[in-house]
């Protein structure tokens, strides 16, 4: 499993939150993140739903990533 890369500093009043992935280096870049907790939860929740629906990750995989990000693993 890849290491979780910390988010950059949030910028307010951004309507779109693109995520870029470099296949060569494995680097993930999300140049803008919402600074509102509810908006950030929507971005994260939508990403998890997409990964589940496309069978890229399982529920257990997502749980593992969440635990790693929270420092619980």
N, C-alpha and C. Protein backbone atom coordinates (compact mmCIF):
# COMPACT_ATOMS: atom_id res chain seq x y z
N UNK A 1 0.85 -1.18 0.00
CA UNK A 1 0.00 0.00 0.00
C UNK A 1 0.89 1.24 0.00
N UNK A 2 0.53 2.25 -0.75
CA UNK A 2 1.30 3.49 -0.84
C UNK A 2 1.15 4.31 0.42
N UNK A 3 2.15 5.14 0.69
CA UNK A 3 2.07 6.05 1.82
C UNK A 3 1.05 7.14 1.51
N UNK A 4 0.35 7.60 2.52
CA UNK A 4 -0.60 8.70 2.34
C UNK A 4 0.20 9.98 2.26
N UNK A 5 -0.05 10.77 1.21
CA UNK A 5 0.65 12.03 1.01
C UNK A 5 -0.18 13.15 1.62
N UNK A 6 0.40 13.98 2.49
CA UNK A 6 -0.37 15.04 3.13
C UNK A 6 -0.92 16.05 2.12
N UNK A 7 -2.09 16.59 2.43
CA UNK A 7 -2.72 17.59 1.57
C UNK A 7 -1.94 18.90 1.65
N UNK A 8 -1.93 19.67 0.55
CA UNK A 8 -1.33 21.02 0.60
C UNK A 8 -2.25 21.96 1.37
N UNK A 9 -1.82 23.18 1.52
CA UNK A 9 -2.63 24.17 2.24
C UNK A 9 -3.93 24.44 1.50
N UNK A 10 -5.04 24.59 2.24
CA UNK A 10 -6.32 24.85 1.57
C UNK A 10 -6.42 26.28 1.03
N UNK A 11 -7.17 26.42 -0.04
CA UNK A 11 -7.46 27.73 -0.61
C UNK A 11 -8.97 27.91 -0.61
N UNK A 12 -9.49 29.02 -0.11
CA UNK A 12 -10.94 29.22 -0.03
C UNK A 12 -11.57 29.52 -1.40
N UNK A 13 -12.88 29.32 -1.48
CA UNK A 13 -13.69 29.70 -2.65
C UNK A 13 -13.25 29.02 -3.95
N UNK A 14 -12.88 27.76 -3.87
CA UNK A 14 -12.54 26.98 -5.05
C UNK A 14 -13.71 26.05 -5.32
N UNK A 15 -14.22 26.01 -6.53
CA UNK A 15 -15.39 25.20 -6.84
C UNK A 15 -15.03 23.81 -7.32
N UNK A 16 -13.80 23.60 -7.74
CA UNK A 16 -13.38 22.32 -8.28
C UNK A 16 -12.09 21.89 -7.59
N UNK A 17 -12.00 20.62 -7.26
CA UNK A 17 -10.84 20.11 -6.53
C UNK A 17 -10.20 18.97 -7.32
N UNK A 18 -9.35 19.28 -8.32
CA UNK A 18 -8.74 18.24 -9.14
C UNK A 18 -7.71 17.43 -8.36
N UNK A 19 -7.55 16.18 -8.77
CA UNK A 19 -6.54 15.30 -8.19
C UNK A 19 -5.70 14.78 -9.35
N UNK A 20 -4.39 14.88 -9.23
CA UNK A 20 -3.49 14.43 -10.28
C UNK A 20 -2.62 13.29 -9.75
N UNK A 21 -2.41 12.28 -10.58
CA UNK A 21 -1.60 11.13 -10.20
C UNK A 21 -0.51 10.91 -11.23
N UNK A 22 0.74 10.86 -10.78
CA UNK A 22 1.86 10.58 -11.66
C UNK A 22 2.12 9.07 -11.61
N UNK A 23 1.82 8.38 -12.72
CA UNK A 23 1.97 6.92 -12.75
C UNK A 23 3.42 6.48 -12.60
N UNK A 24 4.34 7.29 -13.04
CA UNK A 24 5.76 6.93 -12.96
C UNK A 24 6.28 6.99 -11.53
N UNK A 25 6.01 8.11 -10.86
CA UNK A 25 6.55 8.29 -9.51
C UNK A 25 5.59 7.85 -8.41
N UNK A 26 4.30 7.68 -8.74
CA UNK A 26 3.31 7.33 -7.73
C UNK A 26 2.86 8.53 -6.91
N UNK A 27 3.33 9.73 -7.30
CA UNK A 27 2.98 10.94 -6.58
C UNK A 27 1.54 11.36 -6.87
N UNK A 28 0.84 11.75 -5.83
CA UNK A 28 -0.52 12.25 -5.94
C UNK A 28 -0.50 13.73 -5.57
N UNK A 29 -1.07 14.56 -6.42
CA UNK A 29 -1.09 15.99 -6.17
C UNK A 29 -2.53 16.47 -6.22
N UNK A 30 -2.93 17.14 -5.16
CA UNK A 30 -4.25 17.78 -5.10
C UNK A 30 -3.97 19.23 -4.75
N UNK A 31 -3.84 20.09 -5.78
CA UNK A 31 -3.36 21.45 -5.53
C UNK A 31 -4.29 22.30 -4.67
N UNK A 32 -5.55 22.01 -4.65
CA UNK A 32 -6.49 22.79 -3.85
C UNK A 32 -7.34 21.84 -3.02
N UNK A 33 -7.52 22.17 -1.77
CA UNK A 33 -8.41 21.39 -0.90
C UNK A 33 -9.37 22.33 -0.20
N UNK A 34 -10.59 21.88 0.05
CA UNK A 34 -11.54 22.73 0.76
C UNK A 34 -11.11 22.93 2.21
N UNK A 35 -11.27 24.14 2.73
CA UNK A 35 -10.90 24.37 4.12
C UNK A 35 -12.09 24.20 5.06
N UNK A 36 -13.25 23.91 4.53
CA UNK A 36 -14.44 23.62 5.33
C UNK A 36 -14.49 22.11 5.55
N UNK A 37 -14.67 21.68 6.80
CA UNK A 37 -14.67 20.24 7.11
C UNK A 37 -15.75 19.49 6.34
N UNK A 38 -16.93 20.09 6.20
CA UNK A 38 -18.02 19.42 5.50
C UNK A 38 -17.69 19.24 4.02
N UNK A 39 -17.14 20.27 3.39
CA UNK A 39 -16.74 20.17 1.98
C UNK A 39 -15.63 19.14 1.80
N UNK A 40 -14.67 19.13 2.71
CA UNK A 40 -13.58 18.16 2.64
C UNK A 40 -14.12 16.74 2.78
N UNK A 41 -15.09 16.54 3.66
CA UNK A 41 -15.70 15.22 3.83
C UNK A 41 -16.42 14.79 2.56
N UNK A 42 -17.06 15.72 1.86
CA UNK A 42 -17.72 15.40 0.59
C UNK A 42 -16.71 14.95 -0.46
N UNK A 43 -15.59 15.67 -0.56
CA UNK A 43 -14.55 15.31 -1.53
C UNK A 43 -14.03 13.91 -1.22
N UNK A 44 -13.71 13.66 0.02
CA UNK A 44 -13.18 12.36 0.43
C UNK A 44 -14.22 11.26 0.24
N UNK A 45 -15.46 11.53 0.63
CA UNK A 45 -16.52 10.54 0.48
C UNK A 45 -16.78 10.19 -0.97
N UNK A 46 -16.80 11.19 -1.85
CA UNK A 46 -17.02 10.92 -3.26
C UNK A 46 -15.88 10.09 -3.85
N UNK A 47 -14.66 10.37 -3.47
CA UNK A 47 -13.53 9.60 -3.95
C UNK A 47 -13.64 8.14 -3.49
N UNK A 48 -14.02 7.93 -2.24
CA UNK A 48 -14.17 6.57 -1.73
C UNK A 48 -15.28 5.82 -2.48
N UNK A 49 -16.39 6.49 -2.76
CA UNK A 49 -17.49 5.86 -3.49
C UNK A 49 -17.04 5.44 -4.89
N UNK A 50 -16.31 6.31 -5.58
CA UNK A 50 -15.81 5.99 -6.92
C UNK A 50 -14.88 4.78 -6.87
N UNK A 51 -13.97 4.77 -5.89
CA UNK A 51 -13.04 3.65 -5.78
C UNK A 51 -13.75 2.34 -5.47
N UNK A 52 -14.82 2.40 -4.68
CA UNK A 52 -15.61 1.20 -4.37
C UNK A 52 -16.42 0.75 -5.57
N UNK A 53 -17.12 1.69 -6.21
CA UNK A 53 -17.98 1.35 -7.35
C UNK A 53 -17.18 0.75 -8.51
N UNK A 54 -15.98 1.27 -8.74
CA UNK A 54 -15.15 0.78 -9.84
C UNK A 54 -14.32 -0.44 -9.43
N UNK A 55 -14.54 -0.91 -8.20
CA UNK A 55 -13.84 -2.08 -7.67
C UNK A 55 -12.32 -1.92 -7.70
N UNK A 56 -11.88 -0.69 -7.50
CA UNK A 56 -10.45 -0.40 -7.41
C UNK A 56 -9.95 -0.74 -6.01
N UNK A 57 -10.75 -0.38 -5.02
CA UNK A 57 -10.46 -0.73 -3.64
C UNK A 57 -11.68 -1.43 -3.03
N UNK A 58 -11.42 -2.26 -2.04
CA UNK A 58 -12.51 -2.89 -1.30
C UNK A 58 -12.82 -2.04 -0.07
N UNK A 59 -13.87 -2.38 0.62
CA UNK A 59 -14.21 -1.65 1.85
C UNK A 59 -13.06 -1.77 2.85
N UNK A 60 -12.46 -2.95 2.92
CA UNK A 60 -11.35 -3.15 3.83
C UNK A 60 -10.15 -2.30 3.43
N UNK A 61 -9.87 -2.19 2.13
CA UNK A 61 -8.77 -1.33 1.67
C UNK A 61 -8.98 0.11 2.11
N UNK A 62 -10.20 0.61 1.94
CA UNK A 62 -10.51 1.99 2.32
C UNK A 62 -10.37 2.17 3.83
N UNK A 63 -10.83 1.19 4.57
CA UNK A 63 -10.69 1.23 6.03
C UNK A 63 -9.21 1.29 6.41
N UNK A 64 -8.38 0.48 5.75
CA UNK A 64 -6.95 0.47 6.05
C UNK A 64 -6.31 1.83 5.77
N UNK A 65 -6.67 2.44 4.63
CA UNK A 65 -6.13 3.76 4.29
C UNK A 65 -6.57 4.80 5.31
N UNK A 66 -7.84 4.76 5.71
CA UNK A 66 -8.35 5.72 6.71
C UNK A 66 -7.61 5.54 8.04
N UNK A 67 -7.38 4.31 8.43
CA UNK A 67 -6.65 4.07 9.69
C UNK A 67 -5.21 4.57 9.58
N UNK A 68 -4.58 4.36 8.42
CA UNK A 68 -3.21 4.84 8.21
C UNK A 68 -3.18 6.37 8.25
N UNK A 69 -4.13 6.99 7.59
CA UNK A 69 -4.17 8.47 7.55
C UNK A 69 -4.41 9.05 8.93
N UNK A 70 -5.19 8.35 9.74
CA UNK A 70 -5.50 8.82 11.10
C UNK A 70 -4.39 8.49 12.09
N UNK A 71 -3.37 7.78 11.62
CA UNK A 71 -2.27 7.42 12.50
C UNK A 71 -2.59 6.25 13.41
N UNK A 72 -3.61 5.49 13.07
CA UNK A 72 -4.03 4.36 13.89
C UNK A 72 -3.37 3.05 13.47
N UNK A 73 -2.63 3.05 12.36
CA UNK A 73 -1.91 1.85 11.90
C UNK A 73 -0.43 2.08 11.93
